[in-house]
Amino acid sequence: IVLPNGENVSPAEVEAHFSAHSAVQDCELYEDRTETGAAVLVLEILPRMTELSAVPEPERAKYLTDEMARINAELLPHERYNRLVIRRSDFERTPSMKIKRHSRPQA
């Protein structure tokens, strides 16, 4: 991903930081646009429910948000996500079970 300021972000390298957390089964980082056309990095995570079973249901989203924010703060400023999406269903997968990365519309 090449950001508007010219910085390069490797999604796989950034995703590795988040995937290392025991509560994350899988994740995807991609660039999206806001309503005003500003570029933002979005992190979608698929929680590992077996790990979250110890966290009460109403607190799971806050737990995940806080844990991802902690990891996000350790990254370089240009690698940090701006928006977090917690998925309830699995990502679309290729036949080799990799996440199918869709091309995002560019403004």
N, C-alpha and C. Protein backbone atom coordinates (compact mmCIF):
# COMPACT_ATOMS: atom_id res chain seq x y z
N ILE A 1 0.86 -1.17 0.00
CA ILE A 1 0.00 0.00 0.00
C ILE A 1 0.91 1.23 0.00
N VAL A 2 0.67 2.13 -0.93
CA VAL A 2 1.40 3.39 -0.96
C VAL A 2 0.44 4.48 -0.48
N LEU A 3 0.78 5.08 0.64
CA LEU A 3 -0.08 6.12 1.23
C LEU A 3 0.10 7.44 0.48
N PRO A 4 -0.84 8.36 0.63
CA PRO A 4 -0.75 9.66 -0.06
C PRO A 4 0.54 10.43 0.26
N ASN A 5 1.13 10.19 1.45
CA ASN A 5 2.37 10.88 1.80
C ASN A 5 3.60 10.19 1.23
N GLY A 6 3.40 9.12 0.45
CA GLY A 6 4.51 8.40 -0.18
C GLY A 6 5.05 7.24 0.63
N GLU A 7 4.60 7.07 1.86
CA GLU A 7 5.06 5.96 2.70
C GLU A 7 4.51 4.64 2.17
N ASN A 8 5.35 3.61 2.20
CA ASN A 8 4.92 2.26 1.81
C ASN A 8 4.58 1.46 3.05
N VAL A 9 3.47 0.73 2.98
CA VAL A 9 3.05 -0.14 4.08
C VAL A 9 2.88 -1.55 3.51
N SER A 10 3.56 -2.50 4.14
CA SER A 10 3.41 -3.90 3.74
C SER A 10 2.31 -4.52 4.59
N PRO A 11 1.14 -4.82 3.99
CA PRO A 11 0.05 -5.40 4.78
C PRO A 11 0.47 -6.66 5.53
N ALA A 12 1.22 -7.54 4.89
CA ALA A 12 1.60 -8.81 5.52
C ALA A 12 2.44 -8.57 6.77
N GLU A 13 3.36 -7.61 6.72
CA GLU A 13 4.20 -7.33 7.88
C GLU A 13 3.38 -6.76 9.04
N VAL A 14 2.47 -5.85 8.74
CA VAL A 14 1.63 -5.26 9.78
C VAL A 14 0.67 -6.30 10.33
N GLU A 15 0.05 -7.09 9.45
CA GLU A 15 -0.89 -8.13 9.89
C GLU A 15 -0.23 -9.13 10.83
N ALA A 16 1.06 -9.41 10.62
CA ALA A 16 1.78 -10.37 11.47
C ALA A 16 1.79 -9.94 12.93
N HIS A 17 1.87 -8.62 13.18
CA HIS A 17 1.85 -8.12 14.56
C HIS A 17 0.52 -8.46 15.24
N PHE A 18 -0.57 -8.27 14.51
CA PHE A 18 -1.90 -8.50 15.09
C PHE A 18 -2.22 -10.00 15.15
N SER A 19 -1.81 -10.75 14.14
CA SER A 19 -2.06 -12.19 14.10
C SER A 19 -1.35 -12.93 15.23
N ALA A 20 -0.28 -12.34 15.75
CA ALA A 20 0.47 -12.97 16.85
C ALA A 20 -0.34 -13.00 18.14
N HIS A 21 -1.37 -12.17 18.24
CA HIS A 21 -2.20 -12.15 19.45
C HIS A 21 -3.06 -13.40 19.48
N SER A 22 -3.16 -14.02 20.64
CA SER A 22 -3.88 -15.30 20.76
C SER A 22 -5.37 -15.17 20.46
N ALA A 23 -5.95 -13.98 20.59
CA ALA A 23 -7.39 -13.80 20.34
C ALA A 23 -7.71 -13.51 18.87
N VAL A 24 -6.67 -13.45 18.02
CA VAL A 24 -6.89 -13.16 16.59
C VAL A 24 -6.64 -14.42 15.78
N GLN A 25 -7.69 -14.88 15.09
CA GLN A 25 -7.55 -16.04 14.22
C GLN A 25 -6.92 -15.62 12.90
N ASP A 26 -7.39 -14.50 12.34
CA ASP A 26 -6.87 -14.01 11.07
C ASP A 26 -7.19 -12.53 10.96
N CYS A 27 -6.48 -11.83 10.08
CA CYS A 27 -6.75 -10.41 9.90
C CYS A 27 -6.32 -9.96 8.51
N GLU A 28 -6.82 -8.80 8.13
CA GLU A 28 -6.48 -8.21 6.84
C GLU A 28 -6.38 -6.70 7.02
N LEU A 29 -5.31 -6.11 6.46
CA LEU A 29 -5.12 -4.66 6.47
C LEU A 29 -5.26 -4.17 5.03
N TYR A 30 -6.04 -3.12 4.85
CA TYR A 30 -6.20 -2.56 3.51
C TYR A 30 -6.47 -1.07 3.59
N GLU A 31 -6.31 -0.40 2.46
CA GLU A 31 -6.57 1.03 2.38
C GLU A 31 -8.01 1.26 1.94
N ASP A 32 -8.66 2.21 2.55
CA ASP A 32 -10.02 2.59 2.18
C ASP A 32 -10.07 4.10 2.14
N ARG A 33 -11.21 4.64 1.77
CA ARG A 33 -11.40 6.09 1.71
C ARG A 33 -12.57 6.49 2.59
N THR A 34 -12.45 7.67 3.19
CA THR A 34 -13.56 8.22 3.96
C THR A 34 -14.51 8.92 2.99
N GLU A 35 -15.62 9.44 3.52
CA GLU A 35 -16.57 10.17 2.67
C GLU A 35 -15.92 11.38 2.02
N THR A 36 -14.91 11.94 2.68
CA THR A 36 -14.23 13.12 2.13
C THR A 36 -13.10 12.76 1.18
N GLY A 37 -12.84 11.46 1.01
CA GLY A 37 -11.81 11.01 0.08
C GLY A 37 -10.45 10.80 0.73
N ALA A 38 -10.35 11.00 2.03
CA ALA A 38 -9.07 10.80 2.72
C ALA A 38 -8.76 9.30 2.83
N ALA A 39 -7.49 8.96 2.63
CA ALA A 39 -7.05 7.57 2.73
C ALA A 39 -6.92 7.17 4.19
N VAL A 40 -7.44 5.99 4.52
CA VAL A 40 -7.32 5.43 5.87
C VAL A 40 -6.94 3.96 5.77
N LEU A 41 -6.22 3.49 6.77
CA LEU A 41 -5.92 2.06 6.85
C LEU A 41 -6.96 1.40 7.72
N VAL A 42 -7.49 0.28 7.25
CA VAL A 42 -8.52 -0.46 7.94
C VAL A 42 -7.97 -1.84 8.29
N LEU A 43 -8.15 -2.24 9.54
CA LEU A 43 -7.78 -3.58 9.97
C LEU A 43 -9.05 -4.35 10.27
N GLU A 44 -9.26 -5.46 9.57
CA GLU A 44 -10.38 -6.35 9.86
C GLU A 44 -9.79 -7.56 10.56
N ILE A 45 -10.39 -7.93 11.69
CA ILE A 45 -9.91 -9.11 12.41
C ILE A 45 -11.04 -10.12 12.55
N LEU A 46 -10.65 -11.38 12.49
CA LEU A 46 -11.55 -12.49 12.78
C LEU A 46 -11.11 -13.04 14.13
N PRO A 47 -11.93 -12.86 15.17
CA PRO A 47 -11.53 -13.32 16.50
C PRO A 47 -11.48 -14.84 16.60
N ARG A 48 -10.60 -15.32 17.47
CA ARG A 48 -10.53 -16.74 17.78
C ARG A 48 -11.43 -16.94 19.00
N MET A 49 -12.62 -17.46 18.75
CA MET A 49 -13.64 -17.53 19.79
C MET A 49 -13.23 -18.43 20.96
N THR A 50 -12.42 -19.45 20.71
CA THR A 50 -11.99 -20.30 21.81
C THR A 50 -11.17 -19.50 22.83
N GLU A 51 -10.41 -18.54 22.35
CA GLU A 51 -9.62 -17.68 23.25
C GLU A 51 -10.49 -16.66 23.96
N LEU A 52 -11.57 -16.24 23.31
CA LEU A 52 -12.43 -15.21 23.89
C LEU A 52 -13.48 -15.79 24.84
N SER A 53 -13.57 -17.09 24.93
CA SER A 53 -14.61 -17.69 25.77
C SER A 53 -14.46 -17.30 27.24
N ALA A 54 -13.25 -16.95 27.67
CA ALA A 54 -13.03 -16.55 29.06
C ALA A 54 -13.47 -15.10 29.32
N VAL A 55 -13.68 -14.34 28.23
CA VAL A 55 -14.11 -12.94 28.37
C VAL A 55 -15.63 -12.91 28.26
N PRO A 56 -16.31 -12.26 29.21
CA PRO A 56 -17.78 -12.19 29.13
C PRO A 56 -18.24 -11.56 27.82
N GLU A 57 -19.30 -12.08 27.26
CA GLU A 57 -19.83 -11.65 25.95
C GLU A 57 -19.91 -10.13 25.79
N PRO A 58 -20.49 -9.39 26.74
CA PRO A 58 -20.61 -7.95 26.55
C PRO A 58 -19.27 -7.20 26.51
N GLU A 59 -18.22 -7.82 27.02
CA GLU A 59 -16.91 -7.15 27.09
C GLU A 59 -15.96 -7.56 25.98
N ARG A 60 -16.36 -8.48 25.12
CA ARG A 60 -15.45 -9.00 24.09
C ARG A 60 -15.00 -7.93 23.09
N ALA A 61 -15.93 -7.12 22.61
CA ALA A 61 -15.57 -6.09 21.63
C ALA A 61 -14.59 -5.09 22.24
N LYS A 62 -14.85 -4.68 23.48
CA LYS A 62 -13.95 -3.73 24.15
C LYS A 62 -12.58 -4.36 24.38
N TYR A 63 -12.56 -5.63 24.79
CA TYR A 63 -11.30 -6.33 25.00
C TYR A 63 -10.48 -6.35 23.70
N LEU A 64 -11.12 -6.75 22.60
CA LEU A 64 -10.42 -6.81 21.32
C LEU A 64 -9.95 -5.42 20.87
N THR A 65 -10.82 -4.43 21.03
CA THR A 65 -10.46 -3.07 20.63
C THR A 65 -9.26 -2.58 21.44
N ASP A 66 -9.27 -2.81 22.74
CA ASP A 66 -8.16 -2.38 23.60
C ASP A 66 -6.86 -3.11 23.25
N GLU A 67 -6.94 -4.41 23.02
CA GLU A 67 -5.75 -5.20 22.70
C GLU A 67 -5.16 -4.78 21.34
N MET A 68 -6.03 -4.56 20.36
CA MET A 68 -5.54 -4.13 19.04
C MET A 68 -4.96 -2.72 19.11
N ALA A 69 -5.55 -1.85 19.92
CA ALA A 69 -5.03 -0.49 20.09
C ALA A 69 -3.64 -0.53 20.73
N ARG A 70 -3.45 -1.44 21.67
CA ARG A 70 -2.13 -1.57 22.31
C ARG A 70 -1.07 -1.97 21.28
N ILE A 71 -1.40 -2.94 20.43
CA ILE A 71 -0.46 -3.36 19.39
C ILE A 71 -0.27 -2.23 18.38
N ASN A 72 -1.34 -1.58 18.02
CA ASN A 72 -1.30 -0.49 17.04
C ASN A 72 -0.34 0.61 17.50
N ALA A 73 -0.35 0.92 18.79
CA ALA A 73 0.49 1.99 19.35
C ALA A 73 1.98 1.66 19.24
N GLU A 74 2.31 0.37 19.12
CA GLU A 74 3.71 -0.04 19.03
C GLU A 74 4.25 0.03 17.60
N LEU A 75 3.37 0.21 16.62
CA LEU A 75 3.78 0.26 15.22
C LEU A 75 4.29 1.65 14.85
N LEU A 76 4.98 1.74 13.72
CA LEU A 76 5.38 3.04 13.19
C LEU A 76 4.12 3.82 12.83
N PRO A 77 4.16 5.15 12.95
CA PRO A 77 2.96 5.94 12.71
C PRO A 77 2.27 5.66 11.36
N HIS A 78 3.04 5.47 10.29
CA HIS A 78 2.40 5.24 8.98
C HIS A 78 1.84 3.83 8.83
N GLU A 79 2.16 2.92 9.76
CA GLU A 79 1.65 1.55 9.70
C GLU A 79 0.39 1.35 10.55
N ARG A 80 0.00 2.33 11.31
CA ARG A 80 -1.13 2.20 12.23
C ARG A 80 -2.46 2.27 11.51
N TYR A 81 -3.38 1.39 11.91
CA TYR A 81 -4.72 1.44 11.32
C TYR A 81 -5.49 2.62 11.87
N ASN A 82 -6.45 3.10 11.08
CA ASN A 82 -7.32 4.19 11.50
C ASN A 82 -8.70 3.68 11.90
N ARG A 83 -9.06 2.50 11.40
CA ARG A 83 -10.38 1.94 11.66
C ARG A 83 -10.22 0.44 11.90
N LEU A 84 -10.93 -0.07 12.91
CA LEU A 84 -10.90 -1.49 13.24
C LEU A 84 -12.28 -2.07 12.98
N VAL A 85 -12.32 -3.21 12.29
CA VAL A 85 -13.56 -3.93 12.03
C VAL A 85 -13.41 -5.32 12.63
N ILE A 86 -14.34 -5.69 13.50
CA ILE A 86 -14.34 -7.03 14.11
C ILE A 86 -15.37 -7.86 13.35
N ARG A 87 -14.89 -8.88 12.67
CA ARG A 87 -15.76 -9.71 11.84
C ARG A 87 -16.49 -10.76 12.68
N ARG A 88 -17.68 -11.11 12.22
CA ARG A 88 -18.45 -12.19 12.84
C ARG A 88 -18.38 -13.46 11.98
N SER A 89 -17.99 -13.29 10.72
CA SER A 89 -17.87 -14.45 9.83
C SER A 89 -16.49 -14.46 9.20
N ASP A 90 -16.10 -15.62 8.70
CA ASP A 90 -14.76 -15.80 8.13
C ASP A 90 -14.60 -14.95 6.87
N PHE A 91 -13.36 -14.70 6.51
CA PHE A 91 -13.04 -14.01 5.27
C PHE A 91 -13.34 -14.93 4.09
N GLU A 92 -13.55 -14.34 2.93
CA GLU A 92 -13.64 -15.15 1.72
C GLU A 92 -12.24 -15.69 1.46
N ARG A 93 -12.15 -16.95 1.10
CA ARG A 93 -10.84 -17.62 0.97
C ARG A 93 -10.60 -18.12 -0.45
N THR A 94 -9.31 -18.22 -0.80
CA THR A 94 -8.91 -18.84 -2.06
C THR A 94 -8.91 -20.35 -1.85
N PRO A 95 -8.77 -21.14 -2.91
CA PRO A 95 -8.71 -22.60 -2.73
C PRO A 95 -7.57 -23.05 -1.80
N SER A 96 -6.50 -22.26 -1.70
CA SER A 96 -5.39 -22.62 -0.81
C SER A 96 -5.60 -22.06 0.60
N MET A 97 -6.84 -21.56 0.89
CA MET A 97 -7.26 -21.08 2.21
C MET A 97 -6.61 -19.76 2.62
N LYS A 98 -6.06 -19.02 1.67
CA LYS A 98 -5.57 -17.68 1.97
C LYS A 98 -6.74 -16.71 1.85
N ILE A 99 -6.63 -15.58 2.55
CA ILE A 99 -7.68 -14.57 2.44
C ILE A 99 -7.68 -14.02 1.02
N LYS A 100 -8.87 -13.98 0.44
CA LYS A 100 -9.01 -13.42 -0.91
C LYS A 100 -9.02 -11.91 -0.78
N ARG A 101 -7.97 -11.29 -1.25
CA ARG A 101 -7.86 -9.83 -1.16
C ARG A 101 -8.54 -9.21 -2.36
N HIS A 102 -9.52 -8.39 -2.07
CA HIS A 102 -10.25 -7.72 -3.13
C HIS A 102 -9.57 -6.40 -3.41
N SER A 103 -9.57 -5.97 -4.67
CA SER A 103 -9.04 -4.66 -4.95
C SER A 103 -10.04 -3.62 -4.47
N ARG A 104 -9.55 -2.69 -3.70
CA ARG A 104 -10.40 -1.65 -3.14
C ARG A 104 -10.49 -0.49 -4.13
N PRO A 105 -11.64 0.14 -4.24
CA PRO A 105 -11.75 1.27 -5.16
C PRO A 105 -10.87 2.43 -4.71
N GLN A 106 -10.12 2.97 -5.62
CA GLN A 106 -9.23 4.11 -5.32
C GLN A 106 -9.88 5.38 -5.83
N ALA A 107 -9.78 6.45 -5.05
CA ALA A 107 -10.39 7.73 -5.44
C ALA A 107 -9.46 8.48 -6.38
